[in-house]
PDB file of N, CA and C in Angstrom:
ATOM      1  N   MET A   1      32.909  10.891  -4.515  1.00  0.00           N
ATOM      2  CA  MET A   1      32.918  12.159  -5.211  1.00  0.00           C
ATOM      3  C   MET A   1      33.275  13.262  -4.220  1.00  0.00           C
ATOM      4  N   HIS A   2      34.149  14.108  -4.617  1.00  0.00           N
ATOM      5  CA  HIS A   2      34.578  15.235  -3.789  1.00  0.00           C
ATOM      6  C   HIS A   2      33.578  16.379  -3.942  1.00  0.00           C
ATOM      7  N   ALA A   3      33.381  17.137  -2.882  1.00  0.00           N
ATOM      8  CA  ALA A   3      32.406  18.239  -2.896  1.00  0.00           C
ATOM      9  C   ALA A   3      32.685  19.236  -4.021  1.00  0.00           C
ATOM     10  N   ARG A   4      33.938  19.432  -4.392  1.00  0.00           N
ATOM     11  CA  ARG A   4      34.234  20.429  -5.430  1.00  0.00           C
ATOM     12  C   ARG A   4      33.685  20.022  -6.791  1.00  0.00           C
ATOM     13  N   HIS A   5      33.316  18.761  -6.974  1.00  0.00           N
ATOM     14  CA  HIS A   5      32.720  18.311  -8.228  1.00  0.00           C
ATOM     15  C   HIS A   5      31.218  18.526  -8.241  1.00  0.00           C
ATOM     16  N   THR A   6      30.688  19.032  -7.157  1.00  0.00           N
ATOM     17  CA  THR A   6      29.246  19.181  -7.052  1.00  0.00           C
ATOM     18  C   THR A   6      28.759  20.607  -7.285  1.00  0.00           C
ATOM     19  N   PHE A   7      29.677  21.543  -7.424  1.00  0.00           N
ATOM     20  CA  PHE A   7      29.264  22.910  -7.729  1.00  0.00           C
ATOM     21  C   PHE A   7      30.345  23.631  -8.519  1.00  0.00           C
ATOM     22  N   LEU A   8      29.911  24.669  -9.218  1.00  0.00           N
ATOM     23  CA  LEU A   8      30.827  25.551  -9.934  1.00  0.00           C
ATOM     24  C   LEU A   8      30.922  26.846  -9.150  1.00  0.00           C
ATOM     25  N   HIS A   9      32.131  27.353  -8.999  1.00  0.00           N
ATOM     26  CA  HIS A   9      32.374  28.557  -8.198  1.00  0.00           C
ATOM     27  C   HIS A   9      32.886  29.654  -9.112  1.00  0.00           C
ATOM     28  N   ASP A  10      32.139  30.751  -9.207  1.00  0.00           N
ATOM     29  CA  ASP A  10      32.563  31.916  -9.986  1.00  0.00           C
ATOM     30  C   ASP A  10      33.450  32.767  -9.085  1.00  0.00           C
ATOM     31  N   MET A  11      34.722  32.727  -9.317  1.00  0.00           N
ATOM     32  CA  MET A  11      35.674  33.432  -8.450  1.00  0.00           C
ATOM     33  C   MET A  11      35.478  34.950  -8.497  1.00  0.00           C
ATOM     34  N   ALA A  12      34.985  35.476  -9.602  1.00  0.00           N
ATOM     35  CA  ALA A  12      34.791  36.925  -9.727  1.00  0.00           C
ATOM     36  C   ALA A  12      33.657  37.426  -8.840  1.00  0.00           C
ATOM     37  N   THR A  13      32.584  36.657  -8.753  1.00  0.00           N
ATOM     38  CA  THR A  13      31.424  37.103  -7.979  1.00  0.00           C
ATOM     39  C   THR A  13      31.305  36.395  -6.634  1.00  0.00           C
ATOM     40  N   GLY A  14      31.958  35.250  -6.510  1.00  0.00           N
ATOM     41  CA  GLY A  14      31.829  34.453  -5.301  1.00  0.00           C
ATOM     42  C   GLY A  14      30.620  33.544  -5.294  1.00  0.00           C
ATOM     43  N   HIS A  15      29.807  33.619  -6.332  1.00  0.00           N
ATOM     44  CA  HIS A  15      28.610  32.788  -6.393  1.00  0.00           C
ATOM     45  C   HIS A  15      28.956  31.360  -6.812  1.00  0.00           C
ATOM     46  N   ILE A  16      28.090  30.450  -6.396  1.00  0.00           N
ATOM     47  CA  ILE A  16      28.229  29.054  -6.810  1.00  0.00           C
ATOM     48  C   ILE A  16      26.932  28.606  -7.462  1.00  0.00           C
ATOM     49  N   ARG A  17      27.044  27.522  -8.219  1.00  0.00           N
ATOM     50  CA  ARG A  17      25.880  26.863  -8.807  1.00  0.00           C
ATOM     51  C   ARG A  17      26.128  25.377  -8.727  1.00  0.00           C
ATOM     52  N   LEU A  18      25.155  24.650  -8.191  1.00  0.00           N
ATOM     53  CA  LEU A  18      25.309  23.209  -8.106  1.00  0.00           C
ATOM     54  C   LEU A  18      25.242  22.594  -9.498  1.00  0.00           C
ATOM     55  N   THR A  19      26.118  21.632  -9.740  1.00  0.00           N
ATOM     56  CA  THR A  19      26.112  20.883 -10.982  1.00  0.00           C
ATOM     57  C   THR A  19      25.005  19.834 -10.921  1.00  0.00           C
ATOM     58  N   ARG A  20      24.780  19.136 -12.015  1.00  0.00           N
ATOM     59  CA  ARG A  20      23.800  18.047 -12.016  1.00  0.00           C
ATOM     60  C   ARG A  20      24.191  17.016 -10.960  1.00  0.00           C
ATOM     61  N   ALA A  21      25.492  16.717 -10.867  1.00  0.00           N
ATOM     62  CA  ALA A  21      25.965  15.773  -9.847  1.00  0.00           C
ATOM     63  C   ALA A  21      25.662  16.299  -8.445  1.00  0.00           C
ATOM     64  N   GLY A  22      25.799  17.607  -8.246  1.00  0.00           N
ATOM     65  CA  GLY A  22      25.506  18.215  -6.950  1.00  0.00           C
ATOM     66  C   GLY A  22      24.036  18.137  -6.601  1.00  0.00           C
ATOM     67  N   VAL A  23      23.198  18.405  -7.579  1.00  0.00           N
ATOM     68  CA  VAL A  23      21.753  18.315  -7.350  1.00  0.00           C
ATOM     69  C   VAL A  23      21.371  16.875  -7.036  1.00  0.00           C
ATOM     70  N   ASP A  24      21.948  15.930  -7.790  1.00  0.00           N
ATOM     71  CA  ASP A  24      21.655  14.515  -7.543  1.00  0.00           C
ATOM     72  C   ASP A  24      22.119  14.085  -6.152  1.00  0.00           C
ATOM     73  N   ARG A  25      23.280  14.572  -5.752  1.00  0.00           N
ATOM     74  CA  ARG A  25      23.849  14.161  -4.467  1.00  0.00           C
ATOM     75  C   ARG A  25      23.176  14.832  -3.271  1.00  0.00           C
ATOM     76  N   TYR A  26      22.901  16.122  -3.395  1.00  0.00           N
ATOM     77  CA  TYR A  26      22.436  16.894  -2.244  1.00  0.00           C
ATOM     78  C   TYR A  26      20.975  17.343  -2.303  1.00  0.00           C
ATOM     79  N   GLY A  27      20.360  17.334  -3.467  1.00  0.00           N
ATOM     80  CA  GLY A  27      19.024  17.909  -3.620  1.00  0.00           C
ATOM     81  C   GLY A  27      18.007  17.412  -2.617  1.00  0.00           C
ATOM     82  N   GLU A  28      17.844  16.105  -2.548  1.00  0.00           N
ATOM     83  CA  GLU A  28      16.849  15.527  -1.643  1.00  0.00           C
ATOM     84  C   GLU A  28      17.239  15.734  -0.181  1.00  0.00           C
ATOM     85  N   ARG A  29      18.521  15.563   0.110  1.00  0.00           N
ATOM     86  CA  ARG A  29      19.019  15.724   1.478  1.00  0.00           C
ATOM     87  C   ARG A  29      18.810  17.156   1.967  1.00  0.00           C
ATOM     88  N   PHE A  30      19.170  18.136   1.116  1.00  0.00           N
ATOM     89  CA  PHE A  30      18.997  19.539   1.482  1.00  0.00           C
ATOM     90  C   PHE A  30      17.519  19.887   1.625  1.00  0.00           C
ATOM     91  N   ALA A  31      16.686  19.354   0.747  1.00  0.00           N
ATOM     92  CA  ALA A  31      15.249  19.652   0.799  1.00  0.00           C
ATOM     93  C   ALA A  31      14.650  19.186   2.128  1.00  0.00           C
ATOM     94  N   ARG A  32      15.069  18.014   2.609  1.00  0.00           N
ATOM     95  CA  ARG A  32      14.566  17.530   3.904  1.00  0.00           C
ATOM     96  C   ARG A  32      14.935  18.493   5.033  1.00  0.00           C
ATOM     97  N   ALA A  33      16.052  19.214   4.865  1.00  0.00           N
ATOM     98  CA  ALA A  33      16.497  20.166   5.883  1.00  0.00           C
ATOM     99  C   ALA A  33      15.961  21.577   5.619  1.00  0.00           C
ATOM    100  N   GLY A  34      15.134  21.729   4.584  1.00  0.00           N
ATOM    101  CA  GLY A  34      14.506  23.023   4.315  1.00  0.00           C
ATOM    102  C   GLY A  34      15.255  23.921   3.355  1.00  0.00           C
ATOM    103  N   PHE A  35      16.180  23.372   2.587  1.00  0.00           N
ATOM    104  CA  PHE A  35      16.962  24.165   1.632  1.00  0.00           C
ATOM    105  C   PHE A  35      16.671  23.704   0.207  1.00  0.00           C
ATOM    106  N   ALA A  36      16.364  24.632  -0.677  1.00  0.00           N
ATOM    107  CA  ALA A  36      16.186  24.334  -2.093  1.00  0.00           C
ATOM    108  C   ALA A  36      17.523  24.551  -2.791  1.00  0.00           C
ATOM    109  N   VAL A  37      17.987  23.558  -3.527  1.00  0.00           N
ATOM    110  CA  VAL A  37      19.301  23.676  -4.161  1.00  0.00           C
ATOM    111  C   VAL A  37      19.372  24.858  -5.121  1.00  0.00           C
ATOM    112  N   CYS A  38      18.252  25.232  -5.724  1.00  0.00           N
ATOM    113  CA  CYS A  38      18.270  26.367  -6.654  1.00  0.00           C
ATOM    114  C   CYS A  38      18.505  27.693  -5.934  1.00  0.00           C
ATOM    115  N   ASP A  39      18.278  27.723  -4.613  1.00  0.00           N
ATOM    116  CA  ASP A  39      18.488  28.941  -3.827  1.00  0.00           C
ATOM    117  C   ASP A  39      19.899  29.043  -3.251  1.00  0.00           C
ATOM    118  N   ILE A  40      20.696  28.016  -3.422  1.00  0.00           N
ATOM    119  CA  ILE A  40      22.052  28.015  -2.876  1.00  0.00           C
ATOM    120  C   ILE A  40      22.986  28.646  -3.903  1.00  0.00           C
ATOM    121  N   THR A  41      23.430  29.863  -3.585  1.00  0.00           N
ATOM    122  CA  THR A  41      24.260  30.613  -4.537  1.00  0.00           C
ATOM    123  C   THR A  41      25.589  31.070  -3.944  1.00  0.00           C
ATOM    124  N   THR A  42      25.853  30.728  -2.685  1.00  0.00           N
ATOM    125  CA  THR A  42      27.117  31.101  -2.058  1.00  0.00           C
ATOM    126  C   THR A  42      27.679  29.902  -1.300  1.00  0.00           C
ATOM    127  N   LEU A  43      28.974  29.940  -1.054  1.00  0.00           N
ATOM    128  CA  LEU A  43      29.580  28.872  -0.259  1.00  0.00           C
ATOM    129  C   LEU A  43      28.989  28.832   1.141  1.00  0.00           C
ATOM    130  N   ALA A  44      28.704  30.002   1.700  1.00  0.00           N
ATOM    131  CA  ALA A  44      28.106  30.052   3.040  1.00  0.00           C
ATOM    132  C   ALA A  44      26.746  29.366   3.058  1.00  0.00           C
ATOM    133  N   ALA A  45      25.939  29.581   2.035  1.00  0.00           N
ATOM    134  CA  ALA A  45      24.628  28.926   1.955  1.00  0.00           C
ATOM    135  C   ALA A  45      24.791  27.418   1.778  1.00  0.00           C
ATOM    136  N   PHE A  46      25.776  27.009   0.975  1.00  0.00           N
ATOM    137  CA  PHE A  46      26.056  25.580   0.782  1.00  0.00           C
ATOM    138  C   PHE A  46      26.464  24.944   2.115  1.00  0.00           C
ATOM    139  N   GLU A  47      27.363  25.606   2.839  1.00  0.00           N
ATOM    140  CA  GLU A  47      27.812  25.083   4.130  1.00  0.00           C
ATOM    141  C   GLU A  47      26.665  25.016   5.130  1.00  0.00           C
ATOM    142  N   ALA A  48      25.785  26.009   5.123  1.00  0.00           N
ATOM    143  CA  ALA A  48      24.630  25.995   6.022  1.00  0.00           C
ATOM    144  C   ALA A  48      23.712  24.817   5.701  1.00  0.00           C
ATOM    145  N   ALA A  49      23.517  24.542   4.414  1.00  0.00           N
ATOM    146  CA  ALA A  49      22.676  23.418   4.006  1.00  0.00           C
ATOM    147  C   ALA A  49      23.318  22.090   4.396  1.00  0.00           C
ATOM    148  N   VAL A  50      24.632  21.984   4.226  1.00  0.00           N
ATOM    149  CA  VAL A  50      25.342  20.768   4.626  1.00  0.00           C
ATOM    150  C   VAL A  50      25.204  20.560   6.132  1.00  0.00           C
ATOM    151  N   ASP A  51      25.441  21.608   6.898  1.00  0.00           N
ATOM    152  CA  ASP A  51      25.346  21.510   8.366  1.00  0.00           C
ATOM    153  C   ASP A  51      23.941  21.121   8.809  1.00  0.00           C
ATOM    154  N   ALA A  52      22.932  21.758   8.223  1.00  0.00           N
ATOM    155  CA  ALA A  52      21.547  21.468   8.613  1.00  0.00           C
ATOM    156  C   ALA A  52      21.154  20.048   8.231  1.00  0.00           C
ATOM    157  N   SER A  53      21.567  19.598   7.053  1.00  0.00           N
ATOM    158  CA  SER A  53      21.200  18.239   6.648  1.00  0.00           C
ATOM    159  C   SER A  53      21.938  17.204   7.493  1.00  0.00           C
ATOM    160  N   PHE A  54      23.187  17.491   7.867  1.00  0.00           N
ATOM    161  CA  PHE A  54      23.932  16.576   8.741  1.00  0.00           C
ATOM    162  C   PHE A  54      23.246  16.467  10.103  1.00  0.00           C
ATOM    163  N   ALA A  55      22.862  17.611  10.665  1.00  0.00           N
ATOM    164  CA  ALA A  55      22.196  17.605  11.970  1.00  0.00           C
ATOM    165  C   ALA A  55      20.886  16.825  11.911  1.00  0.00           C
ATOM    166  N   LEU A  56      20.138  16.987  10.833  1.00  0.00           N
ATOM    167  CA  LEU A  56      18.881  16.267  10.675  1.00  0.00           C
ATOM    168  C   LEU A  56      19.127  14.763  10.573  1.00  0.00           C
ATOM    169  N   GLU A  57      20.148  14.366   9.815  1.00  0.00           N
ATOM    170  CA  GLU A  57      20.470  12.947   9.682  1.00  0.00           C
ATOM    171  C   GLU A  57      20.960  12.355  11.001  1.00  0.00           C
ATOM    172  N   MET A  58      21.705  13.137  11.773  1.00  0.00           N
ATOM    173  CA  MET A  58      22.158  12.664  13.085  1.00  0.00           C
ATOM    174  C   MET A  58      20.979  12.466  14.027  1.00  0.00           C
ATOM    175  N   LYS A  59      20.032  13.384  14.006  1.00  0.00           N
ATOM    176  CA  LYS A  59      18.850  13.239  14.857  1.00  0.00           C
ATOM    177  C   LYS A  59      18.066  11.982  14.484  1.00  0.00           C
ATOM    178  N   LYS A  60      17.951  11.731  13.189  1.00  0.00           N
ATOM    179  CA  LYS A  60      17.241  10.525  12.737  1.00  0.00           C
ATOM    180  C   LYS A  60      17.991   9.276  13.185  1.00  0.00           C
ATOM    181  N   LEU A  61      19.303   9.263  12.985  1.00  0.00           N
ATOM    182  CA  LEU A  61      20.117   8.123  13.402  1.00  0.00           C
ATOM    183  C   LEU A  61      19.994   7.904  14.909  1.00  0.00           C
ATOM    184  N   ALA A  62      20.072   8.989  15.663  1.00  0.00           N
ATOM    185  CA  ALA A  62      19.969   8.878  17.121  1.00  0.00           C
ATOM    186  C   ALA A  62      18.614   8.311  17.532  1.00  0.00           C
ATOM    187  N   SER A  63      17.552   8.787  16.889  1.00  0.00           N
ATOM    188  CA  SER A  63      16.222   8.306  17.275  1.00  0.00           C
ATOM    189  C   SER A  63      16.044   6.827  16.947  1.00  0.00           C
ATOM    190  N   GLU A  64      16.752   6.354  15.944  1.00  0.00           N
ATOM    191  CA  GLU A  64      16.627   4.946  15.543  1.00  0.00           C
ATOM    192  C   GLU A  64      17.547   4.015  16.330  1.00  0.00           C
ATOM    193  N   THR A  65      18.685   4.524  16.823  1.00  0.00           N
ATOM    194  CA  THR A  65      19.681   3.615  17.395  1.00  0.00           C
ATOM    195  C   THR A  65      20.131   3.933  18.817  1.00  0.00           C
ATOM    196  N   ARG A  66      19.906   5.160  19.294  1.00  0.00           N
ATOM    197  CA  ARG A  66      20.372   5.528  20.629  1.00  0.00           C
ATOM    198  C   ARG A  66      19.789   4.581  21.671  1.00  0.00           C
ATOM    199  N   GLY A  67      20.643   4.123  22.573  1.00  0.00           N
ATOM    200  CA  GLY A  67      20.214   3.241  23.647  1.00  0.00           C
ATOM    201  C   GLY A  67      20.327   1.767  23.319  1.00  0.00           C
ATOM    202  N   GLN A  68      20.615   1.441  22.070  1.00  0.00           N
ATOM    203  CA  GLN A  68      20.719   0.032  21.678  1.00  0.00           C
ATOM    204  C   GLN A  68      22.114  -0.541  21.884  1.00  0.00           C
ATOM    205  N   ASP A  69      23.128   0.347  21.855  1.00  0.00           N
ATOM    206  CA  ASP A  69      24.512  -0.120  21.983  1.00  0.00           C
ATOM    207  C   ASP A  69      25.274   0.878  22.852  1.00  0.00           C
ATOM    208  N   PRO A  70      25.603   0.514  24.086  1.00  0.00           N
ATOM    209  CA  PRO A  70      26.299   1.442  24.980  1.00  0.00           C
ATOM    210  C   PRO A  70      27.629   1.950  24.414  1.00  0.00           C
ATOM    211  N   ALA A  71      28.346   1.098  23.683  1.00  0.00           N
ATOM    212  CA  ALA A  71      29.626   1.523  23.105  1.00  0.00           C
ATOM    213  C   ALA A  71      29.398   2.620  22.065  1.00  0.00           C
ATOM    214  N   LEU A  72      28.394   2.454  21.210  1.00  0.00           N
ATOM    215  CA  LEU A  72      28.072   3.477  20.212  1.00  0.00           C
ATOM    216  C   LEU A  72      27.612   4.753  20.892  1.00  0.00           C
ATOM    217  N   ASP A  73      26.784   4.622  21.910  1.00  0.00           N
ATOM    218  CA  ASP A  73      26.319   5.804  22.649  1.00  0.00           C
ATOM    219  C   ASP A  73      27.491   6.570  23.251  1.00  0.00           C
ATOM    220  N   ALA A  74      28.481   5.851  23.763  1.00  0.00           N
ATOM    221  CA  ALA A  74      29.648   6.508  24.358  1.00  0.00           C
ATOM    222  C   ALA A  74      30.454   7.253  23.307  1.00  0.00           C
ATOM    223  N   ILE A  75      30.584   6.664  22.133  1.00  0.00           N
ATOM    224  CA  ILE A  75      31.342   7.296  21.042  1.00  0.00           C
ATOM    225  C   ILE A  75      30.614   8.532  20.535  1.00  0.00           C
ATOM    226  N   MET A  76      29.311   8.424  20.392  1.00  0.00           N
ATOM    227  CA  MET A  76      28.526   9.491  19.775  1.00  0.00           C
ATOM    228  C   MET A  76      28.110  10.588  20.761  1.00  0.00           C
ATOM    229  N   ALA A  77      28.235  10.337  22.048  1.00  0.00           N
ATOM    230  CA  ALA A  77      27.824  11.309  23.057  1.00  0.00           C
ATOM    231  C   ALA A  77      28.479  12.654  22.798  1.00  0.00           C
ATOM    232  N   GLY A  78      27.693  13.691  22.848  1.00  0.00           N
ATOM    233  CA  GLY A  78      28.219  15.031  22.679  1.00  0.00           C
ATOM    234  C   GLY A  78      28.175  15.542  21.251  1.00  0.00           C
ATOM    235  N   LEU A  79      27.936  14.670  20.290  1.00  0.00           N
ATOM    236  CA  LEU A  79      27.846  15.137  18.915  1.00  0.00           C
ATOM    237  C   LEU A  79      26.491  15.812  18.696  1.00  0.00           C
ATOM    238  N   PRO A  80      26.460  16.852  17.886  1.00  0.00           N
ATOM    239  CA  PRO A  80      25.192  17.544  17.629  1.00  0.00           C
ATOM    240  C   PRO A  80      24.139  16.578  17.103  1.00  0.00           C
ATOM    241  N   GLY A  81      22.990  16.588  17.705  1.00  0.00           N
ATOM    242  CA  GLY A  81      21.898  15.753  17.279  1.00  0.00           C
ATOM    243  C   GLY A  81      21.817  14.411  17.982  1.00  0.00           C
ATOM    244  N   TRP A  82      22.877  14.006  18.668  1.00  0.00           N
ATOM    245  CA  TRP A  82      22.857  12.706  19.328  1.00  0.00           C
ATOM    246  C   TRP A  82      22.225  12.799  20.713  1.00  0.00           C
ATOM    247  N   ASP A  83      22.475  13.896  21.405  1.00  0.00           N
ATOM    248  CA  ASP A  83      21.972  14.033  22.785  1.00  0.00           C
ATOM    249  C   ASP A  83      20.490  14.228  22.858  1.00  0.00           C
TER     250      ASP A  83
END
């Protein structure tokens, strides 16, 4: 599913609203990062929630797998949340 199917964008006001598909896809992920989907009303807020949830997921992945595979560590080195 493409991100554009997850929200409606009002071009006149610039506001967005997550669709049911968007809430299903991002609701739990955003909540873990401290964002309530009902509070996301702009593209900037959506992007901030995506960035924060990605960073949180990277930190979790790093804590579970870092140090187990030198090749993976070399590839992931320098990415936010991996170090």
